Amino acid sequence: MVVRNAVLGLLAQRPRHGYELRAAFEALAGGEENWDVKPAQVYTTLTRLERDGLVVEQSVEQDAGPEKRIYALTAEGQAALQDWLAEGTPPEHQRDEFYLKLMLALVSGAVDPYRLLNTQRTVLYRELHAITNQRARTDPNRELAKVLLLNKVAMRLEADLRWLDMTEARLDEIRRQPLPEPEARPRGRPRKGIE
């Protein structure tokens, strides 16, 4: 959905062809190293948006290379973009892959949870180092928006590192507690006369 709505937003700026949309998306997202969108994803998105009546093929340009289909936003596309921009963006913090790995390590015993925490800590420190280096190479006088994005990423990584420390300190306490299990439900059909 993010790429879909970003394509609508970029077409609201001006009509564009697929390659130009991909380059503009990556520039806005902070560069390819932050959000690499594949050309096929852009073209598939354009096909769906055209099918849904949110964009229309405006023209075809033919330079020295292959033809380029230029897409423009329709009134319905403008309305869809306005609706998306007016909504809040819910965070996805509760769908955490590492948390699920940790819980599976605890219930299965397949790996030492302390080792899992240390592995994740290493990954986060590497990411934080890369983001810090990227931020240091970014000129705040010309790319303040990118600096702010990188600050947000760094702050999330730092919060995740603090969470790992807190979890490690309480891991033995977690192990002493019962781990989550699904509720037992009766199986089969209810007996006659029982409502």
N, C-alpha and C. Protein backbone atom coordinates (compact mmCIF):
# COMPACT_ATOMS: atom_id res chain seq x y z
N MET A 1 0.81 -1.20 0.00
CA MET A 1 0.00 0.00 0.00
C MET A 1 0.86 1.26 0.00
N VAL A 2 2.01 1.22 0.63
CA VAL A 2 2.84 2.42 0.70
C VAL A 2 3.31 2.82 -0.69
N VAL A 3 3.80 1.86 -1.48
CA VAL A 3 4.27 2.18 -2.82
C VAL A 3 3.12 2.69 -3.66
N ARG A 4 1.97 2.07 -3.54
CA ARG A 4 0.78 2.49 -4.28
C ARG A 4 0.47 3.95 -4.01
N ASN A 5 0.42 4.32 -2.75
CA ASN A 5 0.07 5.69 -2.39
C ASN A 5 1.19 6.66 -2.71
N ALA A 6 2.43 6.22 -2.62
CA ALA A 6 3.55 7.08 -3.00
C ALA A 6 3.51 7.37 -4.49
N VAL A 7 3.16 6.38 -5.30
CA VAL A 7 3.03 6.59 -6.75
C VAL A 7 1.93 7.63 -7.02
N LEU A 8 0.82 7.53 -6.31
CA LEU A 8 -0.24 8.53 -6.48
C LEU A 8 0.28 9.92 -6.12
N GLY A 9 1.01 10.02 -5.02
CA GLY A 9 1.54 11.31 -4.59
C GLY A 9 2.52 11.89 -5.59
N LEU A 10 3.37 11.05 -6.15
CA LEU A 10 4.34 11.52 -7.14
C LEU A 10 3.65 11.94 -8.44
N LEU A 11 2.58 11.25 -8.80
CA LEU A 11 1.84 11.64 -9.99
C LEU A 11 1.01 12.90 -9.74
N ALA A 12 0.69 13.18 -8.49
CA ALA A 12 0.00 14.44 -8.17
C ALA A 12 0.94 15.61 -8.43
N GLN A 13 2.23 15.37 -8.28
CA GLN A 13 3.22 16.42 -8.55
C GLN A 13 3.27 16.73 -10.05
N ARG A 14 3.34 15.65 -10.87
CA ARG A 14 3.34 15.80 -12.33
C ARG A 14 3.26 14.41 -12.97
N PRO A 15 2.78 14.31 -14.21
CA PRO A 15 2.77 13.02 -14.91
C PRO A 15 4.19 12.50 -15.08
N ARG A 16 4.35 11.17 -14.98
CA ARG A 16 5.67 10.55 -15.06
C ARG A 16 5.57 9.16 -15.68
N HIS A 17 6.70 8.64 -16.09
CA HIS A 17 6.78 7.24 -16.55
C HIS A 17 7.34 6.40 -15.41
N GLY A 18 7.29 5.08 -15.56
CA GLY A 18 7.64 4.15 -14.49
C GLY A 18 9.04 4.33 -13.94
N TYR A 19 10.04 4.44 -14.79
CA TYR A 19 11.42 4.56 -14.32
C TYR A 19 11.58 5.85 -13.51
N GLU A 20 10.96 6.92 -13.98
CA GLU A 20 11.04 8.20 -13.28
C GLU A 20 10.35 8.11 -11.91
N LEU A 21 9.23 7.37 -11.84
CA LEU A 21 8.53 7.17 -10.57
C LEU A 21 9.42 6.42 -9.58
N ARG A 22 10.09 5.39 -10.05
CA ARG A 22 10.98 4.60 -9.19
C ARG A 22 12.10 5.47 -8.63
N ALA A 23 12.73 6.26 -9.49
CA ALA A 23 13.83 7.12 -9.06
C ALA A 23 13.33 8.18 -8.07
N ALA A 24 12.16 8.75 -8.34
CA ALA A 24 11.61 9.78 -7.45
C ALA A 24 11.22 9.18 -6.10
N PHE A 25 10.67 7.97 -6.10
CA PHE A 25 10.31 7.30 -4.85
C PHE A 25 11.55 7.08 -4.00
N GLU A 26 12.60 6.52 -4.59
CA GLU A 26 13.81 6.24 -3.83
C GLU A 26 14.45 7.53 -3.31
N ALA A 27 14.41 8.60 -4.11
CA ALA A 27 14.96 9.88 -3.65
C ALA A 27 14.20 10.39 -2.43
N LEU A 28 12.86 10.31 -2.47
CA LEU A 28 12.04 10.77 -1.35
C LEU A 28 12.22 9.89 -0.11
N ALA A 29 12.43 8.59 -0.32
CA ALA A 29 12.55 7.64 0.79
C ALA A 29 13.94 7.66 1.44
N GLY A 30 14.82 8.50 0.94
CA GLY A 30 16.14 8.60 1.55
C GLY A 30 17.22 7.83 0.82
N GLY A 31 16.92 7.38 -0.38
CA GLY A 31 17.91 6.67 -1.18
C GLY A 31 17.65 5.18 -1.24
N GLU A 32 18.28 4.55 -2.21
CA GLU A 32 18.11 3.12 -2.44
C GLU A 32 18.51 2.29 -1.22
N GLU A 33 19.51 2.77 -0.47
CA GLU A 33 19.94 2.01 0.71
C GLU A 33 18.88 1.99 1.81
N ASN A 34 17.96 2.94 1.78
CA ASN A 34 16.89 2.97 2.79
C ASN A 34 15.64 2.24 2.32
N TRP A 35 15.30 2.36 1.03
CA TRP A 35 14.09 1.71 0.53
C TRP A 35 14.28 1.42 -0.94
N ASP A 36 14.66 0.22 -1.24
CA ASP A 36 14.89 -0.21 -2.62
C ASP A 36 13.60 -0.77 -3.18
N VAL A 37 12.99 -0.02 -4.08
CA VAL A 37 11.77 -0.50 -4.73
C VAL A 37 12.18 -1.02 -6.11
N LYS A 38 11.71 -2.21 -6.45
CA LYS A 38 12.08 -2.84 -7.71
C LYS A 38 11.24 -2.27 -8.86
N PRO A 39 11.82 -2.17 -10.06
CA PRO A 39 11.06 -1.66 -11.20
C PRO A 39 9.77 -2.45 -11.44
N ALA A 40 9.84 -3.76 -11.29
CA ALA A 40 8.63 -4.58 -11.51
C ALA A 40 7.51 -4.18 -10.56
N GLN A 41 7.86 -3.81 -9.32
CA GLN A 41 6.84 -3.41 -8.37
C GLN A 41 6.17 -2.10 -8.81
N VAL A 42 6.95 -1.18 -9.33
CA VAL A 42 6.39 0.09 -9.81
C VAL A 42 5.44 -0.17 -10.99
N TYR A 43 5.88 -0.99 -11.94
CA TYR A 43 5.05 -1.24 -13.12
C TYR A 43 3.80 -2.05 -12.78
N THR A 44 3.91 -3.00 -11.87
CA THR A 44 2.74 -3.75 -11.42
C THR A 44 1.76 -2.81 -10.72
N THR A 45 2.29 -1.90 -9.90
CA THR A 45 1.46 -0.93 -9.21
C THR A 45 0.74 -0.03 -10.20
N LEU A 46 1.45 0.45 -11.22
CA LEU A 46 0.82 1.30 -12.24
C LEU A 46 -0.30 0.55 -12.96
N THR A 47 -0.09 -0.71 -13.27
CA THR A 47 -1.12 -1.51 -13.94
C THR A 47 -2.37 -1.61 -13.07
N ARG A 48 -2.19 -1.86 -11.78
CA ARG A 48 -3.33 -1.96 -10.86
C ARG A 48 -4.03 -0.61 -10.69
N LEU A 49 -3.25 0.45 -10.58
CA LEU A 49 -3.85 1.78 -10.43
C LEU A 49 -4.65 2.16 -11.67
N GLU A 50 -4.13 1.80 -12.84
CA GLU A 50 -4.86 2.09 -14.09
C GLU A 50 -6.14 1.26 -14.15
N ARG A 51 -6.04 -0.01 -13.77
CA ARG A 51 -7.22 -0.88 -13.74
C ARG A 51 -8.30 -0.33 -12.80
N ASP A 52 -7.87 0.24 -11.67
CA ASP A 52 -8.80 0.77 -10.68
C ASP A 52 -9.28 2.18 -10.99
N GLY A 53 -8.80 2.75 -12.09
CA GLY A 53 -9.25 4.08 -12.50
C GLY A 53 -8.59 5.22 -11.73
N LEU A 54 -7.47 4.95 -11.05
CA LEU A 54 -6.80 5.99 -10.26
C LEU A 54 -5.73 6.73 -11.05
N VAL A 55 -5.22 6.09 -12.10
CA VAL A 55 -4.28 6.74 -13.02
C VAL A 55 -4.71 6.40 -14.44
N VAL A 56 -4.22 7.21 -15.36
CA VAL A 56 -4.53 6.99 -16.77
C VAL A 56 -3.25 7.19 -17.57
N GLU A 57 -3.11 6.38 -18.62
CA GLU A 57 -1.97 6.58 -19.50
C GLU A 57 -2.24 7.86 -20.30
N GLN A 58 -1.35 8.83 -20.15
CA GLN A 58 -1.56 10.13 -20.77
C GLN A 58 -0.95 10.20 -22.17
N SER A 59 0.23 9.62 -22.32
CA SER A 59 0.90 9.64 -23.62
C SER A 59 2.00 8.60 -23.62
N VAL A 60 2.61 8.45 -24.80
CA VAL A 60 3.75 7.55 -24.95
C VAL A 60 4.87 8.35 -25.58
N GLU A 61 6.04 8.34 -24.92
CA GLU A 61 7.21 9.03 -25.46
C GLU A 61 8.13 8.00 -26.09
N GLN A 62 8.72 8.36 -27.19
CA GLN A 62 9.67 7.47 -27.86
C GLN A 62 10.94 8.26 -28.11
N ASP A 63 11.95 8.03 -27.29
CA ASP A 63 13.25 8.64 -27.54
C ASP A 63 14.08 7.63 -28.31
N ALA A 64 15.36 7.64 -28.11
CA ALA A 64 16.23 6.69 -28.78
C ALA A 64 16.02 5.27 -28.27
N GLY A 65 15.54 5.14 -27.02
CA GLY A 65 15.35 3.82 -26.42
C GLY A 65 13.91 3.34 -26.57
N PRO A 66 13.49 2.44 -25.65
CA PRO A 66 12.13 1.91 -25.72
C PRO A 66 11.10 2.99 -25.38
N GLU A 67 9.87 2.75 -25.78
CA GLU A 67 8.83 3.74 -25.51
C GLU A 67 8.53 3.82 -24.02
N LYS A 68 8.15 5.01 -23.61
CA LYS A 68 7.85 5.27 -22.20
C LYS A 68 6.40 5.71 -22.10
N ARG A 69 5.64 4.98 -21.32
CA ARG A 69 4.25 5.34 -21.09
C ARG A 69 4.20 6.36 -19.95
N ILE A 70 3.61 7.49 -20.21
CA ILE A 70 3.50 8.55 -19.21
C ILE A 70 2.13 8.43 -18.55
N TYR A 71 2.12 8.36 -17.22
CA TYR A 71 0.89 8.21 -16.45
C TYR A 71 0.55 9.51 -15.74
N ALA A 72 -0.76 9.74 -15.60
CA ALA A 72 -1.25 10.93 -14.89
C ALA A 72 -2.31 10.48 -13.90
N LEU A 73 -2.51 11.29 -12.89
CA LEU A 73 -3.49 11.03 -11.84
C LEU A 73 -4.89 11.39 -12.33
N THR A 74 -5.88 10.57 -12.02
CA THR A 74 -7.28 10.91 -12.32
C THR A 74 -7.89 11.60 -11.10
N ALA A 75 -9.11 12.07 -11.24
CA ALA A 75 -9.81 12.69 -10.10
C ALA A 75 -9.99 11.66 -8.98
N GLU A 76 -10.28 10.41 -9.35
CA GLU A 76 -10.43 9.35 -8.35
C GLU A 76 -9.09 9.08 -7.65
N GLY A 77 -8.00 9.14 -8.40
CA GLY A 77 -6.68 8.97 -7.82
C GLY A 77 -6.34 10.09 -6.85
N GLN A 78 -6.72 11.32 -7.22
CA GLN A 78 -6.49 12.46 -6.33
C GLN A 78 -7.28 12.28 -5.03
N ALA A 79 -8.52 11.81 -5.13
CA ALA A 79 -9.35 11.59 -3.94
C ALA A 79 -8.75 10.49 -3.06
N ALA A 80 -8.27 9.40 -3.69
CA ALA A 80 -7.66 8.30 -2.93
C ALA A 80 -6.40 8.79 -2.21
N LEU A 81 -5.61 9.62 -2.88
CA LEU A 81 -4.41 10.17 -2.27
C LEU A 81 -4.78 11.06 -1.07
N GLN A 82 -5.79 11.90 -1.24
CA GLN A 82 -6.22 12.78 -0.15
C GLN A 82 -6.71 11.97 1.05
N ASP A 83 -7.45 10.90 0.78
CA ASP A 83 -7.93 10.03 1.87
C ASP A 83 -6.75 9.42 2.63
N TRP A 84 -5.76 8.92 1.89
CA TRP A 84 -4.59 8.30 2.53
C TRP A 84 -3.81 9.31 3.35
N LEU A 85 -3.61 10.51 2.81
CA LEU A 85 -2.85 11.53 3.51
C LEU A 85 -3.57 12.02 4.77
N ALA A 86 -4.91 11.94 4.77
CA ALA A 86 -5.70 12.41 5.91
C ALA A 86 -5.72 11.40 7.06
N GLU A 87 -5.37 10.13 6.78
CA GLU A 87 -5.37 9.09 7.81
C GLU A 87 -4.09 9.12 8.63
N GLY A 88 -4.18 8.69 9.86
CA GLY A 88 -2.97 8.46 10.65
C GLY A 88 -2.29 7.19 10.15
N THR A 89 -1.06 7.01 10.53
CA THR A 89 -0.30 5.81 10.12
C THR A 89 -0.02 4.97 11.36
N PRO A 90 -0.70 3.84 11.50
CA PRO A 90 -0.46 3.01 12.69
C PRO A 90 0.91 2.35 12.64
N PRO A 91 1.63 2.36 13.75
CA PRO A 91 2.93 1.67 13.78
C PRO A 91 2.72 0.16 13.80
N GLU A 92 3.70 -0.57 13.37
CA GLU A 92 3.64 -2.03 13.34
C GLU A 92 4.54 -2.64 14.40
N HIS A 93 4.58 -2.03 15.58
CA HIS A 93 5.50 -2.48 16.61
C HIS A 93 5.15 -3.85 17.19
N GLN A 94 3.89 -4.25 17.15
CA GLN A 94 3.51 -5.51 17.79
C GLN A 94 3.75 -6.71 16.90
N ARG A 95 3.98 -6.51 15.63
CA ARG A 95 4.34 -7.61 14.74
C ARG A 95 5.85 -7.62 14.61
N ASP A 96 6.50 -8.18 15.60
CA ASP A 96 7.94 -8.12 15.69
C ASP A 96 8.52 -9.51 15.48
N GLU A 97 9.27 -9.69 14.42
CA GLU A 97 9.83 -10.99 14.09
C GLU A 97 10.80 -11.48 15.17
N PHE A 98 11.63 -10.58 15.69
CA PHE A 98 12.57 -11.01 16.71
C PHE A 98 11.86 -11.48 17.97
N TYR A 99 10.82 -10.77 18.39
CA TYR A 99 10.06 -11.19 19.58
C TYR A 99 9.52 -12.61 19.38
N LEU A 100 9.01 -12.87 18.19
CA LEU A 100 8.49 -14.21 17.89
C LEU A 100 9.62 -15.25 17.95
N LYS A 101 10.78 -14.92 17.42
CA LYS A 101 11.94 -15.83 17.52
C LYS A 101 12.29 -16.12 18.97
N LEU A 102 12.30 -15.08 19.80
CA LEU A 102 12.64 -15.25 21.21
C LEU A 102 11.62 -16.16 21.90
N MET A 103 10.35 -15.93 21.65
CA MET A 103 9.31 -16.78 22.26
C MET A 103 9.45 -18.23 21.80
N LEU A 104 9.75 -18.42 20.51
CA LEU A 104 9.94 -19.79 20.00
C LEU A 104 11.17 -20.44 20.60
N ALA A 105 12.22 -19.66 20.82
CA ALA A 105 13.41 -20.20 21.48
C ALA A 105 13.07 -20.67 22.89
N LEU A 106 12.23 -19.89 23.57
CA LEU A 106 11.86 -20.25 24.95
C LEU A 106 10.96 -21.49 24.99
N VAL A 107 9.99 -21.58 24.08
CA VAL A 107 9.07 -22.73 24.13
C VAL A 107 9.68 -23.99 23.53
N SER A 108 10.58 -23.86 22.57
CA SER A 108 11.12 -25.04 21.90
C SER A 108 12.44 -25.52 22.48
N GLY A 109 13.21 -24.61 23.06
CA GLY A 109 14.54 -24.97 23.53
C GLY A 109 15.51 -25.21 22.39
N ALA A 110 15.15 -24.80 21.16
CA ALA A 110 15.98 -25.06 19.99
C ALA A 110 17.27 -24.24 19.97
N VAL A 111 17.28 -23.12 20.68
CA VAL A 111 18.47 -22.28 20.73
C VAL A 111 18.50 -21.58 22.09
N ASP A 112 19.67 -21.27 22.55
CA ASP A 112 19.83 -20.55 23.81
C ASP A 112 19.31 -19.12 23.63
N PRO A 113 18.31 -18.70 24.42
CA PRO A 113 17.75 -17.36 24.25
C PRO A 113 18.78 -16.25 24.50
N TYR A 114 19.76 -16.48 25.38
CA TYR A 114 20.81 -15.47 25.59
C TYR A 114 21.64 -15.29 24.32
N ARG A 115 21.90 -16.39 23.65
CA ARG A 115 22.64 -16.33 22.38
C ARG A 115 21.83 -15.57 21.33
N LEU A 116 20.54 -15.84 21.29
CA LEU A 116 19.64 -15.15 20.36
C LEU A 116 19.65 -13.65 20.61
N LEU A 117 19.59 -13.26 21.89
CA LEU A 117 19.63 -11.84 22.25
C LEU A 117 20.95 -11.20 21.82
N ASN A 118 22.05 -11.90 22.02
CA ASN A 118 23.36 -11.35 21.61
C ASN A 118 23.49 -11.23 20.10
N THR A 119 22.96 -12.20 19.38
CA THR A 119 22.98 -12.13 17.92
C THR A 119 22.19 -10.91 17.44
N GLN A 120 21.01 -10.71 18.01
CA GLN A 120 20.19 -9.57 17.62
C GLN A 120 20.86 -8.25 18.00
N ARG A 121 21.50 -8.22 19.15
CA ARG A 121 22.21 -7.01 19.58
C ARG A 121 23.30 -6.65 18.55
N THR A 122 24.03 -7.65 18.07
CA THR A 122 25.06 -7.43 17.07
C THR A 122 24.46 -6.85 15.79
N VAL A 123 23.34 -7.41 15.36
CA VAL A 123 22.66 -6.91 14.15
C VAL A 123 22.26 -5.45 14.34
N LEU A 124 21.69 -5.13 15.48
CA LEU A 124 21.23 -3.76 15.73
C LEU A 124 22.39 -2.77 15.80
N TYR A 125 23.49 -3.18 16.44
CA TYR A 125 24.65 -2.28 16.51
C TYR A 125 25.23 -2.04 15.11
N ARG A 126 25.26 -3.06 14.28
CA ARG A 126 25.74 -2.87 12.89
C ARG A 126 24.84 -1.89 12.15
N GLU A 127 23.54 -2.07 12.30
CA GLU A 127 22.59 -1.16 11.64
C GLU A 127 22.76 0.27 12.15
N LEU A 128 22.91 0.41 13.46
CA LEU A 128 23.08 1.73 14.05
C LEU A 128 24.36 2.39 13.54
N HIS A 129 25.43 1.60 13.43
CA HIS A 129 26.70 2.11 12.91
C HIS A 129 26.52 2.58 11.46
N ALA A 130 25.84 1.79 10.64
CA ALA A 130 25.62 2.15 9.23
C ALA A 130 24.78 3.43 9.12
N ILE A 131 23.73 3.53 9.93
CA ILE A 131 22.87 4.71 9.89
C ILE A 131 23.64 5.94 10.37
N THR A 132 24.43 5.78 11.40
CA THR A 132 25.23 6.90 11.92
C THR A 132 26.21 7.39 10.86
N ASN A 133 26.85 6.47 10.14
CA ASN A 133 27.76 6.85 9.06
C ASN A 133 27.02 7.54 7.93
N GLN A 134 25.86 7.01 7.58
CA GLN A 134 25.05 7.62 6.51
C GLN A 134 24.63 9.03 6.91
N ARG A 135 24.23 9.19 8.16
CA ARG A 135 23.81 10.51 8.66
C ARG A 135 25.00 11.49 8.64
N ALA A 136 26.18 11.02 8.97
CA ALA A 136 27.37 11.88 8.98
C ALA A 136 27.73 12.36 7.57
N ARG A 137 27.40 11.56 6.56
CA ARG A 137 27.67 11.96 5.17
C ARG A 137 26.58 12.84 4.58
N THR A 138 25.50 13.05 5.30
CA THR A 138 24.36 13.81 4.80
C THR A 138 24.48 15.27 5.22
N ASP A 139 24.33 16.17 4.27
CA ASP A 139 24.47 17.61 4.52
C ASP A 139 23.13 18.17 5.03
N PRO A 140 23.05 18.56 6.30
CA PRO A 140 21.79 19.07 6.84
C PRO A 140 21.35 20.39 6.20
N ASN A 141 22.26 21.10 5.54
CA ASN A 141 21.88 22.35 4.87
C ASN A 141 21.17 22.10 3.55
N ARG A 142 21.33 20.89 3.01
CA ARG A 142 20.68 20.56 1.74
C ARG A 142 19.71 19.39 1.86
N GLU A 143 19.89 18.54 2.89
CA GLU A 143 19.10 17.31 3.01
C GLU A 143 18.56 17.13 4.43
N LEU A 144 17.96 18.16 4.96
CA LEU A 144 17.47 18.10 6.34
C LEU A 144 16.41 17.01 6.51
N ALA A 145 15.54 16.84 5.51
CA ALA A 145 14.50 15.80 5.62
C ALA A 145 15.14 14.43 5.78
N LYS A 146 16.21 14.16 5.03
CA LYS A 146 16.88 12.87 5.13
C LYS A 146 17.55 12.71 6.49
N VAL A 147 18.15 13.80 7.01
CA VAL A 147 18.75 13.76 8.34
C VAL A 147 17.69 13.39 9.38
N LEU A 148 16.52 13.99 9.27
CA LEU A 148 15.44 13.69 10.22
C LEU A 148 15.00 12.23 10.12
N LEU A 149 14.92 11.70 8.91
CA LEU A 149 14.59 10.28 8.73
C LEU A 149 15.65 9.40 9.39
N LEU A 150 16.90 9.70 9.16
CA LEU A 150 17.98 8.90 9.73
C LEU A 150 18.00 9.02 11.26
N ASN A 151 17.66 10.19 11.79
CA ASN A 151 17.54 10.34 13.25
C ASN A 151 16.45 9.43 13.80
N LYS A 152 15.32 9.37 13.09
CA LYS A 152 14.21 8.51 13.53
C LYS A 152 14.64 7.05 13.55
N VAL A 153 15.32 6.62 12.50
CA VAL A 153 15.79 5.24 12.42
C VAL A 153 16.76 4.95 13.56
N ALA A 154 17.71 5.87 13.80
CA ALA A 154 18.69 5.67 14.87
C ALA A 154 18.00 5.59 16.23
N MET A 155 17.01 6.43 16.46
CA MET A 155 16.30 6.40 17.74
C MET A 155 15.55 5.09 17.94
N ARG A 156 14.97 4.55 16.88
CA ARG A 156 14.29 3.25 16.99
C ARG A 156 15.28 2.13 17.29
N LEU A 157 16.43 2.17 16.63
CA LEU A 157 17.45 1.16 16.89
C LEU A 157 17.95 1.24 18.33
N GLU A 158 18.15 2.45 18.82
CA GLU A 158 18.58 2.63 20.21
C GLU A 158 17.52 2.11 21.18
N ALA A 159 16.25 2.35 20.87
CA ALA A 159 15.17 1.84 21.72
C ALA A 159 15.15 0.31 21.70
N ASP A 160 15.36 -0.29 20.54
CA ASP A 160 15.40 -1.75 20.45
C ASP A 160 16.57 -2.31 21.25
N LEU A 161 17.71 -1.63 21.23
CA LEU A 161 18.87 -2.08 22.02
C LEU A 161 18.56 -2.00 23.52
N ARG A 162 17.90 -0.95 23.96
CA ARG A 162 17.51 -0.85 25.38
C ARG A 162 16.55 -1.96 25.75
N TRP A 163 15.62 -2.28 24.84
CA TRP A 163 14.66 -3.35 25.09
C TRP A 163 15.38 -4.69 25.23
N LEU A 164 16.39 -4.94 24.40
CA LEU A 164 17.16 -6.18 24.51
C LEU A 164 17.83 -6.28 25.87
N ASP A 165 18.41 -5.18 26.35
CA ASP A 165 19.06 -5.17 27.67
C ASP A 165 18.03 -5.48 28.76
N MET A 166 16.87 -4.85 28.68
CA MET A 166 15.83 -5.06 29.68
C MET A 166 15.34 -6.51 29.65
N THR A 167 15.14 -7.05 28.46
CA THR A 167 14.68 -8.42 28.32
C THR A 167 15.71 -9.41 28.84
N GLU A 168 16.97 -9.18 28.51
CA GLU A 168 18.03 -10.07 28.99
C GLU A 168 18.09 -10.08 30.52
N ALA A 169 17.91 -8.91 31.12
CA ALA A 169 17.96 -8.82 32.59
C ALA A 169 16.81 -9.59 33.24
N ARG A 170 15.71 -9.79 32.52
CA ARG A 170 14.55 -10.45 33.11
C ARG A 170 14.24 -11.81 32.48
N LEU A 171 15.15 -12.32 31.69
CA LEU A 171 14.91 -13.57 30.96
C LEU A 171 14.66 -14.74 31.90
N ASP A 172 15.40 -14.85 32.98
CA ASP A 172 15.17 -15.96 33.92
C ASP A 172 13.78 -15.86 34.54
N GLU A 173 13.33 -14.66 34.82
CA GLU A 173 11.98 -14.46 35.36
C GLU A 173 10.92 -14.88 34.34
N ILE A 174 11.15 -14.54 33.07
CA ILE A 174 10.22 -14.95 32.01
C ILE A 174 10.16 -16.47 31.93
N ARG A 175 11.31 -17.13 32.04
CA ARG A 175 11.36 -18.60 31.96
C ARG A 175 10.57 -19.26 33.09
N ARG A 176 10.49 -18.62 34.26
CA ARG A 176 9.76 -19.21 35.39
C ARG A 176 8.24 -19.06 35.23
N GLN A 177 7.81 -18.21 34.36
CA GLN A 177 6.38 -18.00 34.15
C GLN A 177 5.86 -18.94 33.06
N PRO A 178 4.55 -19.25 33.13
CA PRO A 178 4.01 -20.08 32.05
C PRO A 178 4.03 -19.31 30.72
N LEU A 179 4.41 -20.00 29.67
CA LEU A 179 4.46 -19.37 28.36
C LEU A 179 3.07 -19.39 27.73
N PRO A 180 2.80 -18.46 26.82
CA PRO A 180 1.46 -18.37 26.22
C PRO A 180 1.05 -19.66 25.54
N GLU A 181 -0.18 -20.06 25.79
CA GLU A 181 -0.78 -21.24 25.17
C GLU A 181 -2.17 -20.85 24.69
N PRO A 182 -2.65 -21.47 23.63
CA PRO A 182 -4.02 -21.17 23.17
C PRO A 182 -5.04 -21.69 24.18
N GLU A 183 -6.18 -21.06 24.19
CA GLU A 183 -7.26 -21.52 25.07
C GLU A 183 -7.77 -22.87 24.60
N ALA A 184 -8.06 -23.74 25.54
CA ALA A 184 -8.62 -25.05 25.18
C ALA A 184 -10.07 -24.85 24.78
N ARG A 185 -10.42 -25.43 23.66
CA ARG A 185 -11.80 -25.33 23.17
C ARG A 185 -12.36 -26.73 23.03
N PRO A 186 -13.64 -26.88 23.36
CA PRO A 186 -14.24 -28.21 23.20
C PRO A 186 -14.25 -28.60 21.73
N ARG A 187 -14.01 -29.88 21.50
CA ARG A 187 -14.00 -30.39 20.13
C ARG A 187 -15.27 -31.17 19.86
N GLY A 188 -15.62 -31.25 18.60
CA GLY A 188 -16.78 -32.04 18.20
C GLY A 188 -18.07 -31.26 18.30
N ARG A 189 -19.14 -32.00 18.12
CA ARG A 189 -20.46 -31.38 18.16
C ARG A 189 -21.00 -31.37 19.58
N PRO A 190 -21.81 -30.36 19.89
CA PRO A 190 -22.42 -30.36 21.23
C PRO A 190 -23.40 -31.53 21.35
N ARG A 191 -23.51 -32.05 22.58
CA ARG A 191 -24.45 -33.16 22.82
C ARG A 191 -25.86 -32.64 22.74
N LYS A 192 -26.77 -33.52 22.36
CA LYS A 192 -28.19 -33.14 22.26
C LYS A 192 -28.71 -32.75 23.62
N GLY A 193 -29.53 -31.73 23.61
CA GLY A 193 -30.13 -31.26 24.85
C GLY A 193 -29.30 -30.23 25.57
N ILE A 194 -28.06 -29.97 25.10
CA ILE A 194 -27.21 -28.95 25.72
C ILE A 194 -27.19 -27.74 24.82
N GLU A 195 -27.54 -26.60 25.40
CA GLU A 195 -27.55 -25.38 24.59
C GLU A 195 -26.50 -24.44 25.04
